[in-house]
Amino acid sequence: GWNGDPTNNANQGYLPQMVVSNGVSYYIARELKDPLSGITYEVQATTDLVFTPFAAPAWNSTATNSQDLLLKVVTFGLNTADEMFFRTVISTNSP
C-alpha cells in the first residue's frame, strides 16, 4: 500500500478502496503531494480482465483532499457497467 513499509508486514500503508453508490464506482487512492517528486499516477479501468485492455477512462468526477503533509487522497468517479476493474500505474522519471 501507499506509505507502507515493505520490510514490516504490520505496516501495510493505505490500500486503494472502491465504493459503489447509485451506479457510480469511486476509486479512492493516495498520491504524493509534491509535484517535484518525479512520480506520476495514472488510474486505469477495464470491464473485462481477459478481452479488454486497461486504459485511462474519461472520469465523470474527481476530487482531491489533503491527508497530511506528504499525501493527498484522490477520488475518481466513473459511471460503470455491471463489473469494473481498476489499477494504478505508478511511474517515475528518476534514473
N, C-alpha and C. Protein backbone atom coordinates (compact mmCIF):
# COMPACT_ATOMS: atom_id res chain seq x y z
N GLY A 1 0.82 -1.19 0.00
CA GLY A 1 0.00 0.00 0.00
C GLY A 1 0.85 1.25 0.00
N TRP A 2 0.22 2.36 -0.23
CA TRP A 2 0.89 3.65 -0.23
C TRP A 2 1.38 3.96 1.18
N ASN A 3 2.60 4.44 1.29
CA ASN A 3 3.19 4.88 2.54
C ASN A 3 3.38 3.72 3.51
N GLY A 4 3.47 2.50 3.01
CA GLY A 4 3.71 1.34 3.86
C GLY A 4 5.20 1.07 3.99
N ASP A 5 5.54 0.04 4.71
CA ASP A 5 6.93 -0.35 4.92
C ASP A 5 7.11 -1.77 4.41
N PRO A 6 7.79 -1.96 3.27
CA PRO A 6 7.92 -3.31 2.71
C PRO A 6 8.72 -4.26 3.58
N THR A 7 9.44 -3.75 4.58
CA THR A 7 10.20 -4.61 5.47
C THR A 7 9.44 -4.94 6.74
N ASN A 8 8.21 -4.40 6.88
CA ASN A 8 7.42 -4.61 8.08
C ASN A 8 5.99 -4.97 7.68
N ASN A 9 5.63 -6.25 7.79
CA ASN A 9 4.29 -6.69 7.38
C ASN A 9 3.17 -6.02 8.15
N ALA A 10 3.45 -5.54 9.36
CA ALA A 10 2.41 -4.88 10.16
C ALA A 10 2.06 -3.50 9.62
N ASN A 11 2.96 -2.90 8.84
CA ASN A 11 2.72 -1.56 8.28
C ASN A 11 2.33 -1.70 6.81
N GLN A 12 1.04 -1.91 6.56
CA GLN A 12 0.52 -2.12 5.20
C GLN A 12 0.36 -0.81 4.43
N GLY A 13 0.38 0.31 5.11
CA GLY A 13 0.15 1.58 4.43
C GLY A 13 -1.33 1.75 4.12
N TYR A 14 -1.62 2.51 3.10
CA TYR A 14 -3.00 2.81 2.70
C TYR A 14 -3.30 2.09 1.40
N LEU A 15 -4.20 1.14 1.46
CA LEU A 15 -4.59 0.41 0.25
C LEU A 15 -5.67 1.18 -0.49
N PRO A 16 -5.70 1.09 -1.82
CA PRO A 16 -6.79 1.72 -2.56
C PRO A 16 -8.14 1.13 -2.14
N GLN A 17 -9.18 1.93 -2.24
CA GLN A 17 -10.52 1.49 -1.89
C GLN A 17 -11.45 1.68 -3.09
N MET A 18 -12.52 0.91 -3.12
CA MET A 18 -13.54 1.08 -4.14
C MET A 18 -14.89 1.08 -3.45
N VAL A 19 -15.69 2.08 -3.79
CA VAL A 19 -17.03 2.22 -3.22
C VAL A 19 -17.99 2.40 -4.39
N VAL A 20 -19.12 1.71 -4.37
CA VAL A 20 -20.14 1.86 -5.41
C VAL A 20 -21.37 2.49 -4.77
N SER A 21 -21.87 3.55 -5.40
CA SER A 21 -23.04 4.25 -4.89
C SER A 21 -23.87 4.79 -6.05
N ASN A 22 -25.12 4.40 -6.14
CA ASN A 22 -26.04 4.89 -7.17
C ASN A 22 -25.48 4.73 -8.58
N GLY A 23 -24.89 3.58 -8.88
CA GLY A 23 -24.39 3.31 -10.22
C GLY A 23 -23.07 3.97 -10.56
N VAL A 24 -22.41 4.57 -9.57
CA VAL A 24 -21.11 5.20 -9.79
C VAL A 24 -20.07 4.46 -8.94
N SER A 25 -18.98 4.04 -9.59
CA SER A 25 -17.87 3.43 -8.86
C SER A 25 -16.86 4.51 -8.52
N TYR A 26 -16.49 4.56 -7.25
CA TYR A 26 -15.49 5.51 -6.79
C TYR A 26 -14.24 4.74 -6.41
N TYR A 27 -13.13 5.10 -7.05
CA TYR A 27 -11.83 4.52 -6.76
C TYR A 27 -11.05 5.55 -5.96
N ILE A 28 -10.63 5.19 -4.75
CA ILE A 28 -10.02 6.13 -3.84
C ILE A 28 -8.59 5.68 -3.57
N ALA A 29 -7.62 6.54 -3.86
CA ALA A 29 -6.21 6.20 -3.69
C ALA A 29 -5.44 7.38 -3.13
N ARG A 30 -4.26 7.10 -2.65
CA ARG A 30 -3.37 8.16 -2.15
C ARG A 30 -2.31 8.47 -3.20
N GLU A 31 -1.89 9.74 -3.25
CA GLU A 31 -0.82 10.17 -4.12
C GLU A 31 0.08 11.12 -3.34
N LEU A 32 1.35 11.17 -3.73
CA LEU A 32 2.25 12.15 -3.13
C LEU A 32 1.82 13.55 -3.56
N LYS A 33 1.91 14.50 -2.63
CA LYS A 33 1.55 15.88 -2.94
C LYS A 33 2.62 16.60 -3.77
N ASP A 34 3.87 16.27 -3.52
CA ASP A 34 4.98 17.01 -4.11
C ASP A 34 5.03 16.87 -5.63
N PRO A 35 4.77 17.97 -6.37
CA PRO A 35 4.80 17.89 -7.83
C PRO A 35 6.21 17.67 -8.38
N LEU A 36 7.23 17.88 -7.56
CA LEU A 36 8.61 17.70 -8.00
C LEU A 36 9.16 16.32 -7.63
N SER A 37 8.31 15.43 -7.14
CA SER A 37 8.77 14.10 -6.72
C SER A 37 9.24 13.24 -7.89
N GLY A 38 8.80 13.58 -9.10
CA GLY A 38 9.14 12.76 -10.26
C GLY A 38 8.24 11.55 -10.42
N ILE A 39 7.22 11.43 -9.57
CA ILE A 39 6.31 10.29 -9.62
C ILE A 39 4.98 10.73 -10.23
N THR A 40 4.49 9.95 -11.19
CA THR A 40 3.20 10.22 -11.80
C THR A 40 2.28 9.01 -11.58
N TYR A 41 1.00 9.30 -11.55
CA TYR A 41 -0.01 8.27 -11.30
C TYR A 41 -1.02 8.29 -12.44
N GLU A 42 -1.41 7.11 -12.89
CA GLU A 42 -2.49 7.01 -13.87
C GLU A 42 -3.40 5.87 -13.43
N VAL A 43 -4.65 6.21 -13.14
CA VAL A 43 -5.62 5.19 -12.78
C VAL A 43 -6.28 4.72 -14.07
N GLN A 44 -6.29 3.40 -14.26
CA GLN A 44 -6.86 2.80 -15.46
C GLN A 44 -8.00 1.88 -15.06
N ALA A 45 -8.86 1.59 -16.03
CA ALA A 45 -10.03 0.74 -15.77
C ALA A 45 -10.29 -0.17 -16.96
N THR A 46 -11.01 -1.25 -16.68
CA THR A 46 -11.48 -2.15 -17.72
C THR A 46 -12.74 -2.86 -17.22
N THR A 47 -13.55 -3.32 -18.13
CA THR A 47 -14.74 -4.08 -17.76
C THR A 47 -14.52 -5.58 -17.91
N ASP A 48 -13.36 -5.97 -18.47
CA ASP A 48 -13.10 -7.38 -18.73
C ASP A 48 -11.60 -7.63 -18.60
N LEU A 49 -11.20 -8.49 -17.68
CA LEU A 49 -9.78 -8.74 -17.46
C LEU A 49 -9.13 -9.60 -18.53
N VAL A 50 -9.92 -10.24 -19.39
CA VAL A 50 -9.37 -11.12 -20.41
C VAL A 50 -9.31 -10.45 -21.78
N PHE A 51 -10.40 -9.81 -22.19
CA PHE A 51 -10.50 -9.34 -23.58
C PHE A 51 -10.36 -7.83 -23.76
N THR A 52 -10.43 -7.06 -22.69
CA THR A 52 -10.38 -5.60 -22.82
C THR A 52 -9.19 -5.07 -22.04
N PRO A 53 -8.22 -4.46 -22.72
CA PRO A 53 -7.05 -3.96 -22.01
C PRO A 53 -7.41 -2.79 -21.08
N PHE A 54 -6.61 -2.62 -20.04
CA PHE A 54 -6.78 -1.46 -19.16
C PHE A 54 -6.47 -0.19 -19.94
N ALA A 55 -7.21 0.87 -19.64
CA ALA A 55 -6.99 2.18 -20.27
C ALA A 55 -7.49 3.25 -19.32
N ALA A 56 -6.99 4.46 -19.51
CA ALA A 56 -7.45 5.59 -18.70
C ALA A 56 -8.84 6.00 -19.18
N PRO A 57 -9.85 5.92 -18.32
CA PRO A 57 -11.21 6.27 -18.74
C PRO A 57 -11.44 7.78 -18.67
N ALA A 58 -12.55 8.20 -19.24
CA ALA A 58 -13.00 9.59 -19.10
C ALA A 58 -13.78 9.66 -17.79
N TRP A 59 -13.14 10.11 -16.73
CA TRP A 59 -13.77 10.13 -15.41
C TRP A 59 -14.96 11.06 -15.39
N ASN A 60 -16.03 10.65 -14.71
CA ASN A 60 -17.20 11.51 -14.54
C ASN A 60 -16.96 12.53 -13.43
N SER A 61 -16.08 12.20 -12.49
CA SER A 61 -15.76 13.15 -11.42
C SER A 61 -14.43 12.79 -10.79
N THR A 62 -13.75 13.79 -10.26
CA THR A 62 -12.55 13.58 -9.46
C THR A 62 -12.58 14.58 -8.32
N ALA A 63 -11.98 14.20 -7.22
CA ALA A 63 -11.89 15.09 -6.06
C ALA A 63 -10.56 14.82 -5.37
N THR A 64 -9.95 15.87 -4.83
CA THR A 64 -8.68 15.74 -4.14
C THR A 64 -8.79 16.40 -2.78
N ASN A 65 -8.34 15.68 -1.75
CA ASN A 65 -8.33 16.20 -0.39
C ASN A 65 -6.97 15.92 0.24
N SER A 66 -6.52 16.83 1.06
CA SER A 66 -5.25 16.66 1.74
C SER A 66 -5.40 15.65 2.87
N GLN A 67 -4.44 14.73 2.98
CA GLN A 67 -4.45 13.78 4.09
C GLN A 67 -3.47 14.22 5.17
N ASP A 68 -2.26 14.57 4.76
CA ASP A 68 -1.24 15.03 5.70
C ASP A 68 -0.21 15.82 4.90
N LEU A 69 0.98 16.01 5.45
CA LEU A 69 1.99 16.81 4.76
C LEU A 69 2.51 16.15 3.49
N LEU A 70 2.48 14.82 3.42
CA LEU A 70 3.03 14.10 2.28
C LEU A 70 2.01 13.62 1.27
N LEU A 71 0.82 13.23 1.73
CA LEU A 71 -0.13 12.54 0.87
C LEU A 71 -1.42 13.32 0.67
N LYS A 72 -2.02 13.09 -0.49
CA LYS A 72 -3.38 13.57 -0.76
C LYS A 72 -4.24 12.37 -1.12
N VAL A 73 -5.52 12.48 -0.84
CA VAL A 73 -6.49 11.44 -1.17
C VAL A 73 -7.20 11.87 -2.44
N VAL A 74 -7.15 11.02 -3.47
CA VAL A 74 -7.79 11.34 -4.74
C VAL A 74 -8.92 10.34 -4.97
N THR A 75 -10.10 10.87 -5.26
CA THR A 75 -11.28 10.04 -5.51
C THR A 75 -11.69 10.21 -6.97
N PHE A 76 -11.75 9.10 -7.69
CA PHE A 76 -12.15 9.09 -9.10
C PHE A 76 -13.53 8.46 -9.18
N GLY A 77 -14.47 9.10 -9.86
CA GLY A 77 -15.81 8.56 -10.02
C GLY A 77 -16.09 8.21 -11.46
N LEU A 78 -16.71 7.06 -11.69
CA LEU A 78 -16.98 6.60 -13.04
C LEU A 78 -18.33 5.88 -13.06
N ASN A 79 -19.24 6.34 -13.93
CA ASN A 79 -20.49 5.60 -14.16
C ASN A 79 -20.10 4.27 -14.79
N THR A 80 -20.53 3.18 -14.22
CA THR A 80 -19.97 1.90 -14.62
C THR A 80 -20.99 0.91 -15.15
N ALA A 81 -20.41 -0.11 -15.77
CA ALA A 81 -21.18 -1.27 -16.19
C ALA A 81 -21.36 -2.17 -14.97
N ASP A 82 -21.80 -3.40 -15.20
CA ASP A 82 -22.01 -4.32 -14.08
C ASP A 82 -20.72 -4.64 -13.33
N GLU A 83 -19.61 -4.74 -14.06
CA GLU A 83 -18.32 -5.02 -13.44
C GLU A 83 -17.31 -3.99 -13.91
N MET A 84 -16.42 -3.61 -13.00
CA MET A 84 -15.37 -2.66 -13.35
C MET A 84 -14.14 -3.03 -12.53
N PHE A 85 -12.99 -3.03 -13.20
CA PHE A 85 -11.72 -3.32 -12.54
C PHE A 85 -10.82 -2.11 -12.69
N PHE A 86 -10.11 -1.78 -11.62
CA PHE A 86 -9.22 -0.61 -11.62
C PHE A 86 -7.80 -1.03 -11.28
N ARG A 87 -6.85 -0.24 -11.75
CA ARG A 87 -5.46 -0.38 -11.32
C ARG A 87 -4.80 0.99 -11.42
N THR A 88 -3.77 1.17 -10.63
CA THR A 88 -3.00 2.40 -10.67
C THR A 88 -1.62 2.09 -11.21
N VAL A 89 -1.21 2.82 -12.25
CA VAL A 89 0.13 2.69 -12.79
C VAL A 89 0.95 3.84 -12.23
N ILE A 90 2.03 3.49 -11.51
CA ILE A 90 2.88 4.49 -10.89
C ILE A 90 4.20 4.49 -11.65
N SER A 91 4.59 5.67 -12.12
CA SER A 91 5.82 5.80 -12.92
C SER A 91 6.72 6.86 -12.29
N THR A 92 7.97 6.76 -12.61
CA THR A 92 8.93 7.77 -12.17
C THR A 92 9.83 8.15 -13.31
N ASN A 93 10.25 9.39 -13.32
CA ASN A 93 11.19 9.82 -14.34
C ASN A 93 12.60 9.89 -13.79
N SER A 94 12.81 9.29 -12.61
CA SER A 94 14.14 9.24 -12.00
C SER A 94 14.94 8.12 -12.63
N PRO A 95 16.26 8.28 -12.68
CA PRO A 95 17.09 7.21 -13.29
C PRO A 95 17.11 5.95 -12.47
